[in-house]
Amino acid sequence: MAQVQRELSDVLIEHGAVTAEQFKAASEEEARTGESTWRILLANGSLSERDLVRGRADQIGLRFVDVTTGSPTVGALVKVPEEVARRQVVLPMFFEGDRLVVAMAEPTNHLALQELQTVTGSPVVPAAAHRQDLQQAITKAYERQMSTGPSAASASALPPRPNAPVFGPSDSSRPNGNGVGPGAPVPVEAEAVLKEPNLAEFLFAIIEGGASDLHMTVGLPPMMRVNGELSPLKGYRKLAAQDIQQLIYAILTQRQRETFEDKLELDISYSLPGHARFRVNVFQQREAVGSVMRMIP
């Protein structure tokens, strides 16, 4: 069984979402049939999609929001147009200080996060949510907004409700858009602060720098190959295992994720619309995800 799957199974067993016996039986069936363990557990009713999403979120250090038991504040909802919410399958939930917590079907989708930050003008804290629950909650929230009108728009800075249905680790210590924690002093020499990983920025740097490929390896900054020589992308910190997994999983479909977790390698194509296409090789490296993205001429 793949290392990634073993780690996820531990999380789900700890959550009580599946038992060790159920996981073992599904693993044995996978060995016989080739069907993914997770698909087997979902198909036989041992595991719900909602619990699987919750487990994946916990596995990579993201919070989870159960949108079936909590509603967005008016101040949060007015920050994101309905068209954007439906297209990206996201729902703004509430503010934590100046940061907007947004429930997302794909919380590691860096392009969606960039659009949300541009649209809202606020730092965005992504939270995972079950896609089907989220789609229903989006419809319900914006229909309610239409019926009540924008009279409460001034509440845009409302704090989260005391019993807000948020699960997973706290984001209070996570860096904001400036690379520092909320309330921390901004360094005088801001240009010396290393930027957080951002796949879109990496790929645009590859295009603008005339490089042939991007390499992402644990313990190294993002690297680009120019004329056969590897060099780091300037201004970015070294990549942790969680960084690479989040960046890569954001561009994979659910089926592609399952294929990678089964086989520990994956080859796909990825495009920046209107700019370039890349051949993406994803592989297991030192018990972590590694990737090489080569530009397609």
Protein backbone atom coordinates (compact mmCIF):
# COMPACT_ATOMS: atom_id res chain seq x y z
CA MET A 1 0.00 0.00 0.00
CA ALA A 2 1.32 3.45 -0.87
CA GLN A 3 2.79 5.63 1.88
CA VAL A 4 0.31 8.43 1.16
CA GLN A 5 -2.60 6.01 1.56
CA ARG A 6 -1.23 4.57 4.81
CA GLU A 7 -1.01 8.07 6.26
CA LEU A 8 -4.56 8.89 5.17
CA SER A 9 -5.85 5.61 6.57
CA ASP A 10 -4.33 6.49 9.94
CA VAL A 11 -6.12 9.84 9.91
CA LEU A 12 -9.47 8.28 8.99
CA ILE A 13 -9.15 5.56 11.62
CA GLU A 14 -8.30 8.19 14.25
CA HIS A 15 -11.39 10.15 13.21
CA GLY A 16 -13.54 7.04 13.53
CA ALA A 17 -14.53 7.40 9.87
CA VAL A 18 -13.43 3.85 9.08
CA THR A 19 -12.20 0.93 11.16
CA ALA A 20 -8.85 -0.80 10.78
CA GLU A 21 -10.72 -3.99 9.85
CA GLN A 22 -12.69 -2.23 7.11
CA PHE A 23 -9.52 -0.69 5.71
CA LYS A 24 -7.72 -4.04 5.75
CA ALA A 25 -10.59 -5.75 3.94
CA ALA A 26 -10.71 -3.01 1.30
CA SER A 27 -6.93 -3.20 0.85
CA GLU A 28 -7.17 -6.95 0.27
CA GLU A 29 -9.93 -6.40 -2.27
CA GLU A 30 -7.77 -3.78 -4.00
CA ALA A 31 -4.97 -6.35 -4.29
CA ARG A 32 -7.40 -8.78 -5.95
CA THR A 33 -9.29 -6.38 -8.23
CA GLY A 34 -7.03 -3.38 -8.75
CA GLU A 35 -9.82 -1.04 -7.65
CA SER A 36 -8.72 1.83 -5.37
CA THR A 37 -9.11 1.16 -1.64
CA TRP A 38 -10.94 4.45 -1.22
CA ARG A 39 -13.39 3.69 -4.04
CA ILE A 40 -14.12 0.32 -2.45
CA LEU A 41 -14.80 1.90 0.94
CA LEU A 42 -17.03 4.55 -0.63
CA ALA A 43 -18.91 2.02 -2.76
CA ASN A 44 -19.67 -0.37 0.09
CA GLY A 45 -20.77 2.42 2.41
CA SER A 46 -17.96 2.01 4.93
CA LEU A 47 -16.74 5.55 4.26
CA SER A 48 -18.61 8.72 3.30
CA GLU A 49 -17.26 11.24 0.81
CA ARG A 50 -17.62 13.94 3.46
CA ASP A 51 -15.40 12.01 5.89
CA LEU A 52 -12.87 11.35 3.13
CA VAL A 53 -12.65 15.09 2.39
CA ARG A 54 -12.31 15.82 6.11
CA GLY A 55 -9.53 13.24 6.38
CA ARG A 56 -7.63 14.58 3.37
CA ALA A 57 -7.85 18.10 4.81
CA ASP A 58 -6.46 16.95 8.15
CA GLN A 59 -3.74 15.01 6.37
CA ILE A 60 -2.32 18.13 4.70
CA GLY A 61 -2.96 20.52 7.57
CA LEU A 62 -6.10 22.30 6.36
CA ARG A 63 -9.21 23.02 8.39
CA PHE A 64 -12.54 21.51 7.38
CA VAL A 65 -15.89 23.31 7.38
CA ASP A 66 -19.19 21.43 7.54
CA VAL A 67 -21.40 23.79 5.54
CA THR A 68 -24.49 21.72 6.34
CA THR A 69 -24.47 22.95 9.94
CA GLY A 70 -23.16 26.49 9.56
CA SER A 71 -24.10 29.51 7.45
CA PRO A 72 -21.90 32.35 6.15
CA THR A 73 -22.09 35.75 7.77
CA VAL A 74 -23.66 38.46 5.64
CA GLY A 75 -20.43 40.44 5.72
CA ALA A 76 -18.48 37.51 4.32
CA LEU A 77 -21.04 36.57 1.67
CA VAL A 78 -21.15 40.01 0.06
CA LYS A 79 -17.40 39.88 -0.59
CA VAL A 80 -17.67 37.17 -3.26
CA PRO A 81 -20.00 37.51 -6.28
CA GLU A 82 -22.33 34.57 -6.82
CA GLU A 83 -20.85 33.89 -10.27
CA VAL A 84 -17.38 33.44 -8.78
CA ALA A 85 -18.71 31.28 -5.94
CA ARG A 86 -20.51 28.94 -8.34
CA ARG A 87 -17.68 28.74 -10.86
CA GLN A 88 -14.98 28.03 -8.29
CA VAL A 89 -17.32 26.08 -5.94
CA VAL A 90 -16.47 28.24 -2.93
CA LEU A 91 -18.46 29.88 -0.13
CA PRO A 92 -17.12 32.76 2.00
CA MET A 93 -17.92 31.91 5.62
CA PHE A 94 -16.68 34.58 8.04
CA PHE A 95 -13.83 36.92 8.90
CA GLU A 96 -10.98 36.23 11.30
CA GLY A 97 -9.70 39.74 11.83
CA ASP A 98 -9.04 40.98 8.30
CA ARG A 99 -8.77 37.47 6.83
CA LEU A 100 -11.70 35.86 5.03
CA VAL A 101 -12.28 32.15 5.70
CA VAL A 102 -13.60 30.52 2.52
CA ALA A 103 -14.98 26.98 2.24
CA MET A 104 -13.68 25.42 -0.98
CA ALA A 105 -14.19 22.17 -2.86
CA GLU A 106 -10.54 22.46 -3.93
CA PRO A 107 -8.82 24.40 -1.12
CA THR A 108 -5.35 23.91 -2.61
CA ASN A 109 -6.32 25.43 -5.97
CA HIS A 110 -3.84 28.31 -6.13
CA LEU A 111 -5.53 29.94 -9.13
CA ALA A 112 -8.88 30.03 -7.31
CA LEU A 113 -7.20 31.49 -4.23
CA GLN A 114 -5.57 34.20 -6.32
CA GLU A 115 -8.91 35.13 -7.88
CA LEU A 116 -10.60 35.24 -4.46
CA GLN A 117 -7.93 37.53 -3.04
CA THR A 118 -8.25 39.81 -6.06
CA VAL A 119 -12.05 39.90 -5.92
CA THR A 120 -12.32 40.38 -2.15
CA GLY A 121 -9.28 42.55 -1.54
CA SER A 122 -8.68 40.47 1.61
CA PRO A 123 -6.24 37.74 2.62
CA VAL A 124 -8.04 34.42 2.14
CA VAL A 125 -7.86 31.42 4.48
CA PRO A 126 -8.91 28.28 2.55
CA ALA A 127 -10.96 25.60 4.27
CA ALA A 128 -11.99 22.25 2.82
CA ALA A 129 -15.65 21.34 2.34
CA HIS A 130 -17.56 18.46 0.74
CA ARG A 131 -18.34 19.45 -2.85
CA GLN A 132 -21.98 18.34 -2.93
CA ASP A 133 -22.70 19.99 0.42
CA LEU A 134 -20.97 23.12 -0.80
CA GLN A 135 -22.94 23.35 -4.04
CA GLN A 136 -26.20 23.14 -2.11
CA ALA A 137 -25.00 25.65 0.48
CA ILE A 138 -23.98 28.14 -2.24
CA THR A 139 -27.47 28.04 -3.76
CA LYS A 140 -29.11 28.42 -0.35
CA ALA A 141 -26.86 31.27 0.78
CA TYR A 142 -27.20 33.42 -2.34
CA GLU A 143 -30.95 32.81 -2.59
CA ARG A 144 -31.24 34.03 1.00
CA GLN A 145 -29.12 37.05 0.12
CA MET A 146 -31.42 37.87 -2.81
CA SER A 147 -34.50 37.66 -0.58
CA THR A 148 -33.10 39.79 2.25
CA GLY A 149 -31.17 42.34 0.18
CA PRO A 150 -27.83 43.98 0.97
CA SER A 151 -29.05 45.84 4.07
CA ALA A 152 -26.56 44.10 6.32
CA ALA A 153 -23.53 44.63 4.10
CA SER A 154 -21.94 46.84 6.72
CA ALA A 155 -21.30 43.73 8.81
CA SER A 156 -18.34 42.76 6.63
CA ALA A 157 -15.98 42.55 9.57
CA LEU A 158 -18.14 40.32 11.78
CA PRO A 159 -16.13 37.73 13.74
CA PRO A 160 -16.96 34.04 13.42
CA ARG A 161 -19.81 32.70 15.49
CA PRO A 162 -18.60 31.04 18.73
CA ASN A 163 -19.77 27.62 17.53
CA ALA A 164 -18.67 27.96 13.91
CA PRO A 165 -18.35 24.45 12.45
CA VAL A 166 -14.64 24.56 11.71
CA PHE A 167 -12.41 21.56 12.12
CA GLY A 168 -8.69 20.90 11.79
CA PRO A 169 -5.71 22.95 12.95
CA SER A 170 -6.01 26.64 13.67
CA ASP A 171 -4.80 29.08 11.05
CA SER A 172 -3.89 31.75 13.61
CA SER A 173 -0.19 31.12 13.14
CA ARG A 174 -0.25 30.83 9.36
CA PRO A 175 1.42 33.59 7.35
CA ASN A 176 -0.73 36.21 5.71
CA GLY A 177 -0.19 37.66 2.26
CA ASN A 178 2.91 39.53 3.46
CA GLY A 179 4.56 36.35 4.70
CA VAL A 180 4.14 37.22 8.40
CA GLY A 181 1.60 36.20 10.99
CA PRO A 182 -1.40 38.41 11.80
CA GLY A 183 -0.47 41.20 14.16
CA ALA A 184 3.27 40.64 13.73
CA PRO A 185 5.44 43.63 12.77
CA VAL A 186 6.21 43.91 9.08
CA PRO A 187 9.97 43.68 8.47
CA VAL A 188 11.62 46.94 7.47
CA GLU A 189 13.44 45.21 4.62
CA ALA A 190 10.36 43.56 3.12
CA GLU A 191 12.25 42.55 -0.01
CA ALA A 192 14.39 40.22 2.11
CA VAL A 193 11.38 38.11 3.08
CA LEU A 194 11.22 34.87 1.11
CA LYS A 195 7.92 34.37 -0.69
CA GLU A 196 5.53 31.50 -0.08
CA PRO A 197 5.24 28.76 -2.77
CA ASN A 198 2.88 29.61 -5.63
CA LEU A 199 2.70 27.31 -8.65
CA ALA A 200 1.34 29.95 -11.03
CA GLU A 201 4.23 32.27 -10.15
CA PHE A 202 6.72 29.43 -10.60
CA LEU A 203 5.40 28.65 -14.08
CA PHE A 204 5.30 32.27 -15.21
CA ALA A 205 8.91 32.59 -14.04
CA ILE A 206 9.77 29.56 -16.19
CA ILE A 207 8.12 31.17 -19.22
CA GLU A 208 9.67 34.60 -18.68
CA GLY A 209 13.10 33.16 -17.90
CA GLY A 210 13.26 31.03 -21.04
CA ALA A 211 13.59 27.87 -18.95
CA SER A 212 12.67 24.39 -20.14
CA ASP A 213 11.36 22.90 -16.92
CA LEU A 214 10.48 23.39 -13.26
CA HIS A 215 11.76 21.03 -10.55
CA MET A 216 10.12 20.78 -7.11
CA THR A 217 12.05 18.78 -4.53
CA VAL A 218 11.72 18.65 -0.75
CA GLY A 219 14.42 20.68 0.99
CA LEU A 220 15.24 22.83 -2.03
CA PRO A 221 13.70 26.03 -3.40
CA PRO A 222 11.85 25.68 -6.71
CA MET A 223 14.44 25.10 -9.43
CA MET A 224 14.36 25.94 -13.14
CA ARG A 225 16.49 24.50 -15.92
CA VAL A 226 17.95 26.98 -18.40
CA ASN A 227 20.25 25.67 -21.15
CA GLY A 228 20.72 22.45 -19.22
CA GLU A 229 21.69 24.12 -15.94
CA LEU A 230 19.52 24.06 -12.81
CA SER A 231 19.23 27.22 -10.74
CA PRO A 232 16.84 28.30 -7.95
CA LEU A 233 13.95 30.67 -8.57
CA LYS A 234 14.99 33.77 -6.67
CA GLY A 235 12.96 34.99 -3.73
CA TYR A 236 11.32 31.71 -2.70
CA ARG A 237 11.96 29.64 0.39
CA LYS A 238 12.85 25.96 0.44
CA LEU A 239 9.94 23.63 -0.24
CA ALA A 240 8.56 21.34 2.44
CA ALA A 241 6.83 18.04 1.69
CA GLN A 242 3.44 19.59 2.47
CA ASP A 243 4.11 22.49 0.07
CA ILE A 244 4.70 20.24 -2.91
CA GLN A 245 1.77 17.96 -2.15
CA GLN A 246 -0.59 20.94 -1.89
CA LEU A 247 0.69 22.52 -5.12
CA ILE A 248 0.47 19.31 -7.12
CA TYR A 249 -2.81 18.03 -5.69
CA ALA A 250 -4.41 21.36 -6.60
CA ILE A 251 -4.02 20.58 -10.31
CA LEU A 252 -5.04 16.91 -10.14
CA THR A 253 -8.50 15.47 -10.47
CA GLN A 254 -9.75 13.03 -7.86
CA ARG A 255 -9.10 10.13 -10.23
CA GLN A 256 -5.56 11.37 -10.93
CA ARG A 257 -4.87 11.63 -7.20
CA GLU A 258 -6.04 8.06 -6.69
CA THR A 259 -3.90 6.85 -9.59
CA PHE A 260 -0.83 8.55 -8.13
CA GLU A 261 -1.48 7.18 -4.65
CA ASP A 262 -1.87 3.68 -6.10
CA LYS A 263 1.16 3.71 -8.39
CA LEU A 264 3.39 6.42 -6.80
CA GLU A 265 3.94 8.02 -10.20
CA LEU A 266 1.83 9.96 -12.65
CA ASP A 267 2.25 11.70 -16.00
CA ILE A 268 -0.27 14.35 -17.08
CA SER A 269 -0.39 17.62 -19.00
CA TYR A 270 -1.23 20.99 -17.48
CA SER A 271 -1.81 24.36 -19.11
CA LEU A 272 -1.79 28.02 -18.21
CA PRO A 273 -4.53 29.13 -20.62
CA GLY A 274 -3.18 31.50 -23.23
CA HIS A 275 0.42 31.10 -22.06
CA ALA A 276 1.91 27.60 -22.15
CA ARG A 277 1.37 23.88 -21.69
CA PHE A 278 3.48 21.61 -19.49
CA ARG A 279 4.12 17.90 -19.26
CA VAL A 280 3.92 17.03 -15.58
CA ASN A 281 5.72 14.08 -14.00
CA VAL A 282 4.73 13.41 -10.37
CA PHE A 283 6.62 10.83 -8.33
CA GLN A 284 7.36 9.61 -4.81
CA GLN A 285 10.72 10.91 -3.60
CA ARG A 286 12.12 10.33 -0.10
CA GLU A 287 8.61 9.47 1.17
CA ALA A 288 7.30 12.77 -0.22
CA VAL A 289 5.88 14.05 -3.48
CA GLY A 290 8.29 15.39 -6.10
CA SER A 291 7.57 16.81 -9.53
CA VAL A 292 9.11 17.97 -12.78
CA MET A 293 7.05 20.17 -15.10
CA ARG A 294 8.46 20.50 -18.63
CA MET A 295 7.25 23.12 -21.06
CA ILE A 296 5.73 21.69 -24.23
CA PRO A 297 7.01 23.59 -27.28
